[in-house]
Amino acid sequence: MMTGFGGAIWMLFLWIAVIGGGIWLLATIFPRNSTTSHSDISPTSDPLSILKQRYARGELSKEEFETIRHELKQA
């Protein structure tokens, strides 16, 4: 029989692989969303309120805001 230190090393590698595979599987099944979500905007929000929120967050300049607001009011 081949028992001793060599067998223990392979068993250690096996358990590291099993645990690593389990972590990878869980990360694949349940991914974390790393993108920024704008949860304050609901799907039923009207375009003008979305525009105001984007302007308040600093995503739009005053000129962009005025141009888009003018276009929305004409539509």
PDB file of N, CA and C in Angstrom:
ATOM      1  N   MET A   1       0.839  -1.181   0.000  1.00  0.00           N
ATOM      2  CA  MET A   1       0.000   0.000   0.000  1.00  0.00           C
ATOM      3  C   MET A   1       0.880   1.238   0.000  1.00  0.00           C
ATOM      4  N   MET A   2       0.376   2.255  -0.702  1.00  0.00           N
ATOM      5  CA  MET A   2       1.121   3.508  -0.784  1.00  0.00           C
ATOM      6  C   MET A   2       0.419   4.548   0.091  1.00  0.00           C
ATOM      7  N   THR A   3       0.745   4.597   1.316  1.00  0.00           N
ATOM      8  CA  THR A   3       0.181   5.606   2.206  1.00  0.00           C
ATOM      9  C   THR A   3       1.309   6.498   2.668  1.00  0.00           C
ATOM     10  N   GLY A   4       0.914   7.639   3.136  1.00  0.00           N
ATOM     11  CA  GLY A   4       1.939   8.543   3.618  1.00  0.00           C
ATOM     12  C   GLY A   4       1.677   9.957   3.144  1.00  0.00           C
ATOM     13  N   PHE A   5       2.734  10.737   3.090  1.00  0.00           N
ATOM     14  CA  PHE A   5       2.629  12.163   2.790  1.00  0.00           C
ATOM     15  C   PHE A   5       2.115  12.425   1.379  1.00  0.00           C
ATOM     16  N   GLY A   6       2.505  11.638   0.396  1.00  0.00           N
ATOM     17  CA  GLY A   6       2.084  11.850  -0.988  1.00  0.00           C
ATOM     18  C   GLY A   6       0.581  11.755  -1.164  1.00  0.00           C
ATOM     19  N   GLY A   7      -0.065  10.834  -0.497  1.00  0.00           N
ATOM     20  CA  GLY A   7      -1.516  10.688  -0.597  1.00  0.00           C
ATOM     21  C   GLY A   7      -2.254  11.863   0.020  1.00  0.00           C
ATOM     22  N   ALA A   8      -1.718  12.389   1.093  1.00  0.00           N
ATOM     23  CA  ALA A   8      -2.356  13.525   1.757  1.00  0.00           C
ATOM     24  C   ALA A   8      -2.320  14.773   0.882  1.00  0.00           C
ATOM     25  N   ILE A   9      -1.246  14.959   0.138  1.00  0.00           N
ATOM     26  CA  ILE A   9      -1.139  16.121  -0.758  1.00  0.00           C
ATOM     27  C   ILE A   9      -2.198  16.044  -1.847  1.00  0.00           C
ATOM     28  N   TRP A  10      -2.356  14.855  -2.435  1.00  0.00           N
ATOM     29  CA  TRP A  10      -3.359  14.716  -3.502  1.00  0.00           C
ATOM     30  C   TRP A  10      -4.773  14.911  -2.961  1.00  0.00           C
ATOM     31  N   MET A  11      -5.030  14.449  -1.758  1.00  0.00           N
ATOM     32  CA  MET A  11      -6.345  14.650  -1.146  1.00  0.00           C
ATOM     33  C   MET A  11      -6.583  16.137  -0.887  1.00  0.00           C
ATOM     34  N   LEU A  12      -5.554  16.855  -0.475  1.00  0.00           N
ATOM     35  CA  LEU A  12      -5.662  18.297  -0.264  1.00  0.00           C
ATOM     36  C   LEU A  12      -5.993  19.005  -1.581  1.00  0.00           C
ATOM     37  N   PHE A  13      -5.281  18.639  -2.646  1.00  0.00           N
ATOM     38  CA  PHE A  13      -5.563  19.225  -3.963  1.00  0.00           C
ATOM     39  C   PHE A  13      -6.983  18.914  -4.424  1.00  0.00           C
ATOM     40  N   LEU A  14      -7.443  17.701  -4.150  1.00  0.00           N
ATOM     41  CA  LEU A  14      -8.801  17.312  -4.527  1.00  0.00           C
ATOM     42  C   LEU A  14      -9.828  18.192  -3.816  1.00  0.00           C
ATOM     43  N   TRP A  15      -9.669  18.394  -2.517  1.00  0.00           N
ATOM     44  CA  TRP A  15     -10.625  19.206  -1.766  1.00  0.00           C
ATOM     45  C   TRP A  15     -10.572  20.676  -2.176  1.00  0.00           C
ATOM     46  N   ILE A  16      -9.396  21.176  -2.484  1.00  0.00           N
ATOM     47  CA  ILE A  16      -9.290  22.556  -2.977  1.00  0.00           C
ATOM     48  C   ILE A  16     -10.036  22.689  -4.299  1.00  0.00           C
ATOM     49  N   ALA A  17      -9.900  21.691  -5.176  1.00  0.00           N
ATOM     50  CA  ALA A  17     -10.602  21.717  -6.461  1.00  0.00           C
ATOM     51  C   ALA A  17     -12.114  21.617  -6.266  1.00  0.00           C
ATOM     52  N   VAL A  18     -12.565  20.772  -5.354  1.00  0.00           N
ATOM     53  CA  VAL A  18     -14.002  20.616  -5.101  1.00  0.00           C
ATOM     54  C   VAL A  18     -14.589  21.908  -4.536  1.00  0.00           C
ATOM     55  N   ILE A  19     -13.929  22.498  -3.567  1.00  0.00           N
ATOM     56  CA  ILE A  19     -14.426  23.741  -2.972  1.00  0.00           C
ATOM     57  C   ILE A  19     -14.376  24.880  -3.984  1.00  0.00           C
ATOM     58  N   GLY A  20     -13.283  24.979  -4.742  1.00  0.00           N
ATOM     59  CA  GLY A  20     -13.189  26.011  -5.781  1.00  0.00           C
ATOM     60  C   GLY A  20     -14.260  25.843  -6.843  1.00  0.00           C
ATOM     61  N   GLY A  21     -14.518  24.603  -7.242  1.00  0.00           N
ATOM     62  CA  GLY A  21     -15.577  24.344  -8.220  1.00  0.00           C
ATOM     63  C   GLY A  21     -16.950  24.714  -7.680  1.00  0.00           C
ATOM     64  N   GLY A  22     -17.177  24.449  -6.413  1.00  0.00           N
ATOM     65  CA  GLY A  22     -18.456  24.827  -5.804  1.00  0.00           C
ATOM     66  C   GLY A  22     -18.644  26.333  -5.757  1.00  0.00           C
ATOM     67  N   ILE A  23     -17.592  27.047  -5.421  1.00  0.00           N
ATOM     68  CA  ILE A  23     -17.661  28.517  -5.403  1.00  0.00           C
ATOM     69  C   ILE A  23     -17.897  29.049  -6.806  1.00  0.00           C
ATOM     70  N   TRP A  24     -17.194  28.500  -7.792  1.00  0.00           N
ATOM     71  CA  TRP A  24     -17.390  28.929  -9.190  1.00  0.00           C
ATOM     72  C   TRP A  24     -18.821  28.652  -9.636  1.00  0.00           C
ATOM     73  N   LEU A  25     -19.361  27.479  -9.278  1.00  0.00           N
ATOM     74  CA  LEU A  25     -20.725  27.126  -9.663  1.00  0.00           C
ATOM     75  C   LEU A  25     -21.732  28.090  -9.041  1.00  0.00           C
ATOM     76  N   LEU A  26     -21.572  28.400  -7.774  1.00  0.00           N
ATOM     77  CA  LEU A  26     -22.480  29.342  -7.119  1.00  0.00           C
ATOM     78  C   LEU A  26     -22.374  30.738  -7.727  1.00  0.00           C
ATOM     79  N   ALA A  27     -21.155  31.166  -8.049  1.00  0.00           N
ATOM     80  CA  ALA A  27     -20.977  32.485  -8.664  1.00  0.00           C
ATOM     81  C   ALA A  27     -21.584  32.529 -10.055  1.00  0.00           C
ATOM     82  N   THR A  28     -21.593  31.415 -10.758  1.00  0.00           N
ATOM     83  CA  THR A  28     -22.194  31.359 -12.088  1.00  0.00           C
ATOM     84  C   THR A  28     -23.716  31.357 -12.000  1.00  0.00           C
ATOM     85  N   ILE A  29     -24.255  30.634 -11.044  1.00  0.00           N
ATOM     86  CA  ILE A  29     -25.710  30.543 -10.900  1.00  0.00           C
ATOM     87  C   ILE A  29     -26.285  31.844 -10.346  1.00  0.00           C
ATOM     88  N   PHE A  30     -25.623  32.447  -9.384  1.00  0.00           N
ATOM     89  CA  PHE A  30     -26.110  33.660  -8.731  1.00  0.00           C
ATOM     90  C   PHE A  30     -25.132  34.810  -8.949  1.00  0.00           C
ATOM     91  N   PRO A  31     -25.093  35.387 -10.156  1.00  0.00           N
ATOM     92  CA  PRO A  31     -24.137  36.478 -10.404  1.00  0.00           C
ATOM     93  C   PRO A  31     -24.554  37.744  -9.671  1.00  0.00           C
ATOM     94  N   ARG A  32     -23.554  38.503  -9.259  1.00  0.00           N
ATOM     95  CA  ARG A  32     -23.826  39.802  -8.638  1.00  0.00           C
ATOM     96  C   ARG A  32     -23.918  40.827  -9.741  1.00  0.00           C
ATOM     97  N   ASN A  33     -24.844  41.744  -9.619  1.00  0.00           N
ATOM     98  CA  ASN A  33     -25.006  42.792 -10.616  1.00  0.00           C
ATOM     99  C   ASN A  33     -24.050  43.919 -10.273  1.00  0.00           C
ATOM    100  N   SER A  34     -23.041  44.102 -11.098  1.00  0.00           N
ATOM    101  CA  SER A  34     -22.045  45.129 -10.823  1.00  0.00           C
ATOM    102  C   SER A  34     -22.316  46.444 -11.521  1.00  0.00           C
ATOM    103  N   THR A  35     -23.352  46.475 -12.362  1.00  0.00           N
ATOM    104  CA  THR A  35     -23.677  47.713 -13.043  1.00  0.00           C
ATOM    105  C   THR A  35     -24.500  48.600 -12.143  1.00  0.00           C
ATOM    106  N   THR A  36     -24.409  49.888 -12.356  1.00  0.00           N
ATOM    107  CA  THR A  36     -25.177  50.842 -11.576  1.00  0.00           C
ATOM    108  C   THR A  36     -26.614  50.825 -12.050  1.00  0.00           C
ATOM    109  N   SER A  37     -27.518  50.620 -11.138  1.00  0.00           N
ATOM    110  CA  SER A  37     -28.928  50.628 -11.506  1.00  0.00           C
ATOM    111  C   SER A  37     -29.565  51.909 -10.993  1.00  0.00           C
ATOM    112  N   HIS A  38     -30.487  52.393 -11.737  1.00  0.00           N
ATOM    113  CA  HIS A  38     -31.232  53.577 -11.342  1.00  0.00           C
ATOM    114  C   HIS A  38     -32.597  53.114 -10.857  1.00  0.00           C
ATOM    115  N   SER A  39     -32.644  52.641  -9.625  1.00  0.00           N
ATOM    116  CA  SER A  39     -33.869  52.066  -9.095  1.00  0.00           C
ATOM    117  C   SER A  39     -34.919  53.130  -8.800  1.00  0.00           C
ATOM    118  N   ASP A  40     -34.521  54.415  -8.791  1.00  0.00           N
ATOM    119  CA  ASP A  40     -35.493  55.458  -8.522  1.00  0.00           C
ATOM    120  C   ASP A  40     -36.348  55.768  -9.747  1.00  0.00           C
ATOM    121  N   ILE A  41     -36.017  55.198 -10.897  1.00  0.00           N
ATOM    122  CA  ILE A  41     -36.807  55.409 -12.106  1.00  0.00           C
ATOM    123  C   ILE A  41     -37.668  54.176 -12.319  1.00  0.00           C
ATOM    124  N   SER A  42     -38.969  54.344 -12.205  1.00  0.00           N
ATOM    125  CA  SER A  42     -39.864  53.223 -12.432  1.00  0.00           C
ATOM    126  C   SER A  42     -40.228  53.149 -13.908  1.00  0.00           C
ATOM    127  N   PRO A  43     -40.634  51.985 -14.382  1.00  0.00           N
ATOM    128  CA  PRO A  43     -40.977  51.846 -15.798  1.00  0.00           C
ATOM    129  C   PRO A  43     -42.162  52.715 -16.216  1.00  0.00           C
ATOM    130  N   THR A  44     -42.960  53.152 -15.259  1.00  0.00           N
ATOM    131  CA  THR A  44     -44.128  53.962 -15.592  1.00  0.00           C
ATOM    132  C   THR A  44     -43.863  55.457 -15.481  1.00  0.00           C
ATOM    133  N   SER A  45     -42.625  55.857 -15.176  1.00  0.00           N
ATOM    134  CA  SER A  45     -42.303  57.279 -15.068  1.00  0.00           C
ATOM    135  C   SER A  45     -42.444  57.948 -16.422  1.00  0.00           C
ATOM    136  N   ASP A  46     -42.948  59.164 -16.396  1.00  0.00           N
ATOM    137  CA  ASP A  46     -43.076  59.876 -17.665  1.00  0.00           C
ATOM    138  C   ASP A  46     -41.706  60.417 -18.077  1.00  0.00           C
ATOM    139  N   PRO A  47     -41.496  60.635 -19.373  1.00  0.00           N
ATOM    140  CA  PRO A  47     -40.181  61.050 -19.868  1.00  0.00           C
ATOM    141  C   PRO A  47     -39.675  62.357 -19.264  1.00  0.00           C
ATOM    142  N   LEU A  48     -40.567  63.286 -18.976  1.00  0.00           N
ATOM    143  CA  LEU A  48     -40.136  64.567 -18.426  1.00  0.00           C
ATOM    144  C   LEU A  48     -39.562  64.401 -17.016  1.00  0.00           C
ATOM    145  N   SER A  49     -40.170  63.548 -16.207  1.00  0.00           N
ATOM    146  CA  SER A  49     -39.631  63.335 -14.855  1.00  0.00           C
ATOM    147  C   SER A  49     -38.293  62.595 -14.911  1.00  0.00           C
ATOM    148  N   ILE A  50     -38.141  61.672 -15.858  1.00  0.00           N
ATOM    149  CA  ILE A  50     -36.854  60.996 -16.032  1.00  0.00           C
ATOM    150  C   ILE A  50     -35.795  62.007 -16.444  1.00  0.00           C
ATOM    151  N   LEU A  51     -36.162  62.914 -17.349  1.00  0.00           N
ATOM    152  CA  LEU A  51     -35.237  63.954 -17.795  1.00  0.00           C
ATOM    153  C   LEU A  51     -34.808  64.832 -16.622  1.00  0.00           C
ATOM    154  N   LYS A  52     -35.750  65.207 -15.777  1.00  0.00           N
ATOM    155  CA  LYS A  52     -35.431  66.041 -14.612  1.00  0.00           C
ATOM    156  C   LYS A  52     -34.498  65.309 -13.647  1.00  0.00           C
ATOM    157  N   GLN A  53     -34.716  64.017 -13.458  1.00  0.00           N
ATOM    158  CA  GLN A  53     -33.855  63.237 -12.570  1.00  0.00           C
ATOM    159  C   GLN A  53     -32.439  63.141 -13.125  1.00  0.00           C
ATOM    160  N   ARG A  54     -32.331  62.931 -14.432  1.00  0.00           N
ATOM    161  CA  ARG A  54     -31.001  62.857 -15.059  1.00  0.00           C
ATOM    162  C   ARG A  54     -30.282  64.198 -14.952  1.00  0.00           C
ATOM    163  N   TYR A  55     -31.011  65.295 -15.109  1.00  0.00           N
ATOM    164  CA  TYR A  55     -30.409  66.621 -14.985  1.00  0.00           C
ATOM    165  C   TYR A  55     -29.958  66.862 -13.539  1.00  0.00           C
ATOM    166  N   ALA A  56     -30.778  66.432 -12.591  1.00  0.00           N
ATOM    167  CA  ALA A  56     -30.435  66.611 -11.179  1.00  0.00           C
ATOM    168  C   ALA A  56     -29.198  65.794 -10.791  1.00  0.00           C
ATOM    169  N   ARG A  57     -29.014  64.636 -11.405  1.00  0.00           N
ATOM    170  CA  ARG A  57     -27.830  63.814 -11.125  1.00  0.00           C
ATOM    171  C   ARG A  57     -26.589  64.332 -11.828  1.00  0.00           C
ATOM    172  N   GLY A  58     -26.757  65.309 -12.719  1.00  0.00           N
ATOM    173  CA  GLY A  58     -25.617  65.875 -13.421  1.00  0.00           C
ATOM    174  C   GLY A  58     -25.237  65.131 -14.687  1.00  0.00           C
ATOM    175  N   GLU A  59     -26.128  64.282 -15.180  1.00  0.00           N
ATOM    176  CA  GLU A  59     -25.841  63.531 -16.399  1.00  0.00           C
ATOM    177  C   GLU A  59     -25.998  64.393 -17.648  1.00  0.00           C
ATOM    178  N   LEU A  60     -26.728  65.495 -17.535  1.00  0.00           N
ATOM    179  CA  LEU A  60     -26.994  66.369 -18.679  1.00  0.00           C
ATOM    180  C   LEU A  60     -26.581  67.796 -18.349  1.00  0.00           C
ATOM    181  N   SER A  61     -26.119  68.507 -19.367  1.00  0.00           N
ATOM    182  CA  SER A  61     -25.841  69.933 -19.194  1.00  0.00           C
ATOM    183  C   SER A  61     -27.161  70.693 -19.307  1.00  0.00           C
ATOM    184  N   LYS A  62     -27.127  71.977 -18.962  1.00  0.00           N
ATOM    185  CA  LYS A  62     -28.345  72.782 -19.039  1.00  0.00           C
ATOM    186  C   LYS A  62     -28.845  72.870 -20.478  1.00  0.00           C
ATOM    187  N   GLU A  63     -27.921  72.991 -21.439  1.00  0.00           N
ATOM    188  CA  GLU A  63     -28.320  73.079 -22.844  1.00  0.00           C
ATOM    189  C   GLU A  63     -28.973  71.780 -23.308  1.00  0.00           C
ATOM    190  N   GLU A  64     -28.385  70.652 -22.920  1.00  0.00           N
ATOM    191  CA  GLU A  64     -28.972  69.359 -23.287  1.00  0.00           C
ATOM    192  C   GLU A  64     -30.354  69.204 -22.669  1.00  0.00           C
ATOM    193  N   PHE A  65     -30.468  69.602 -21.398  1.00  0.00           N
ATOM    194  CA  PHE A  65     -31.751  69.512 -20.714  1.00  0.00           C
ATOM    195  C   PHE A  65     -32.813  70.335 -21.433  1.00  0.00           C
ATOM    196  N   GLU A  66     -32.482  71.581 -21.754  1.00  0.00           N
ATOM    197  CA  GLU A  66     -33.452  72.457 -22.416  1.00  0.00           C
ATOM    198  C   GLU A  66     -33.840  71.922 -23.794  1.00  0.00           C
ATOM    199  N   THR A  67     -32.865  71.418 -24.546  1.00  0.00           N
ATOM    200  CA  THR A  67     -33.148  70.889 -25.880  1.00  0.00           C
ATOM    201  C   THR A  67     -34.076  69.687 -25.812  1.00  0.00           C
ATOM    202  N   ILE A  68     -33.763  68.756 -24.942  1.00  0.00           N
ATOM    203  CA  ILE A  68     -34.584  67.549 -24.827  1.00  0.00           C
ATOM    204  C   ILE A  68     -35.962  67.894 -24.283  1.00  0.00           C
ATOM    205  N   ARG A  69     -36.028  68.799 -23.310  1.00  0.00           N
ATOM    206  CA  ARG A  69     -37.328  69.194 -22.754  1.00  0.00           C
ATOM    207  C   ARG A  69     -38.194  69.821 -23.838  1.00  0.00           C
ATOM    208  N   HIS A  70     -37.599  70.664 -24.674  1.00  0.00           N
ATOM    209  CA  HIS A  70     -38.336  71.303 -25.764  1.00  0.00           C
ATOM    210  C   HIS A  70     -38.856  70.242 -26.740  1.00  0.00           C
ATOM    211  N   GLU A  71     -38.019  69.258 -27.063  1.00  0.00           N
ATOM    212  CA  GLU A  71     -38.431  68.189 -27.976  1.00  0.00           C
ATOM    213  C   GLU A  71     -39.538  67.331 -27.377  1.00  0.00           C
ATOM    214  N   LEU A  72     -39.465  67.070 -26.079  1.00  0.00           N
ATOM    215  CA  LEU A  72     -40.499  66.260 -25.434  1.00  0.00           C
ATOM    216  C   LEU A  72     -41.840  66.985 -25.406  1.00  0.00           C
ATOM    217  N   LYS A  73     -41.810  68.281 -25.185  1.00  0.00           N
ATOM    218  CA  LYS A  73     -43.065  69.035 -25.132  1.00  0.00           C
ATOM    219  C   LYS A  73     -43.707  69.151 -26.511  1.00  0.00           C
ATOM    220  N   GLN A  74     -42.891  69.087 -27.577  1.00  0.00           N
ATOM    221  CA  GLN A  74     -43.443  69.153 -28.926  1.00  0.00           C
ATOM    222  C   GLN A  74     -44.034  67.814 -29.362  1.00  0.00           C
ATOM    223  N   ALA A  75     -43.556  66.739 -28.807  1.00  0.00           N
ATOM    224  CA  ALA A  75     -44.001  65.406 -29.238  1.00  0.00           C
ATOM    225  C   ALA A  75     -45.382  65.062 -28.753  1.00  0.00           C
TER     226      ALA A  75
END
